[in-house]
Amino acid sequence: MDHWFYIEDRAQKGPVDRDTLATLITMGKLPGDTLVWTEDLADWTPAQSVKGLVPAALSSPPVSRASPSSSPPVPTVRPAPSSPPLISAPPIPAPTEAKPSGFVAAGPQVRPWIRFWARITDYGLFGSFLATLLLLIAPDLAAEMLDQNYVFIDVFFVVVVFLWVFIEAALLAVLGTTPAKALLNIRVRHSDGSLLSYGEGLRRAFGVWFHGFGIGILLAELLFMAFSYFRLKKSGTTNWDAGKPWEVQHRPVGWIRSIALILILLVGILLSAPLPGA
């Protein structure tokens, strides 16, 4: 006789024979996706995926002709054998859980200014990288562009903000944060701690690019930032995060991280100061 085991209420039951298992599903005592195992299966498998098991169990029972109002006979469940079989079922599969991030949110979670400085710092770091790359690859072109002074700076910032969308999406998908967000103890993850997919990160980054910074155009940028600030303070979320499967998580920044941020911003200001007079 074949021996079948099944999982019920996170506990292993059995052994029973195939017909008994099919009967349990027919009577509705077990759902069709119950995990089952027999020695012919490599691992626990949903009953509905076992060929011939669930379809046979769910076939219509014979209708009694004794009386139109009489219900069909209840199938008899055969008891399991008294002696255990000479086979052992594999371990009960553990429920799938998201890998913990190790980052536990703490303190106030509505922190618009912390988020603002994190984003500005990310833009500054990425802009510095692109400017350095441009100077190394095409110094004459860089010098000519710098002669345009503030016009160049405005155009360059629009380019930085747009290109950062794709970089930020990749960082969120791999790390759940960006350099400046990590410095200021900010993470963007699902509520179970799992990382965003690249598509989710891209959708969020484009939301910030448009709704948060007005694609980098100065006047639109100021208006959209002001609107996002008041929305975050009032509702606890932003346009690009509301109703989404991810959340922004904060931990206290601390004075060491604050000093590090100030130093980074000061260095950026000093490096960019000569640009207008170039």
Foldseek 3Di string as FASTA:
>chain_A
DWFKWWADPNDIDDGDDLVLVLLCCLVVVDPQQIFMDTPVDPATGRNVPDPPRNVVSNPDDDDDPPDPPDDDDRDDRDDGDPDDDPDDHDDRDDDDAADALPADFDDDLLDLVLVVLLVVLLLLVQLVVVLVVCCVPPVVVSVVLLVVFPVSVQVSSLVSLVVVLQVQLVCQQVPQADVSCVLQAKGKDFPRRHGDHSVLSSQLSVCCCCQQQVSRHVVSRVVSVVVQSVCCVVVVDGPSPPPDRMGMGGDHNDDVSVVVSVVSVVVSCVVCVCSNVD
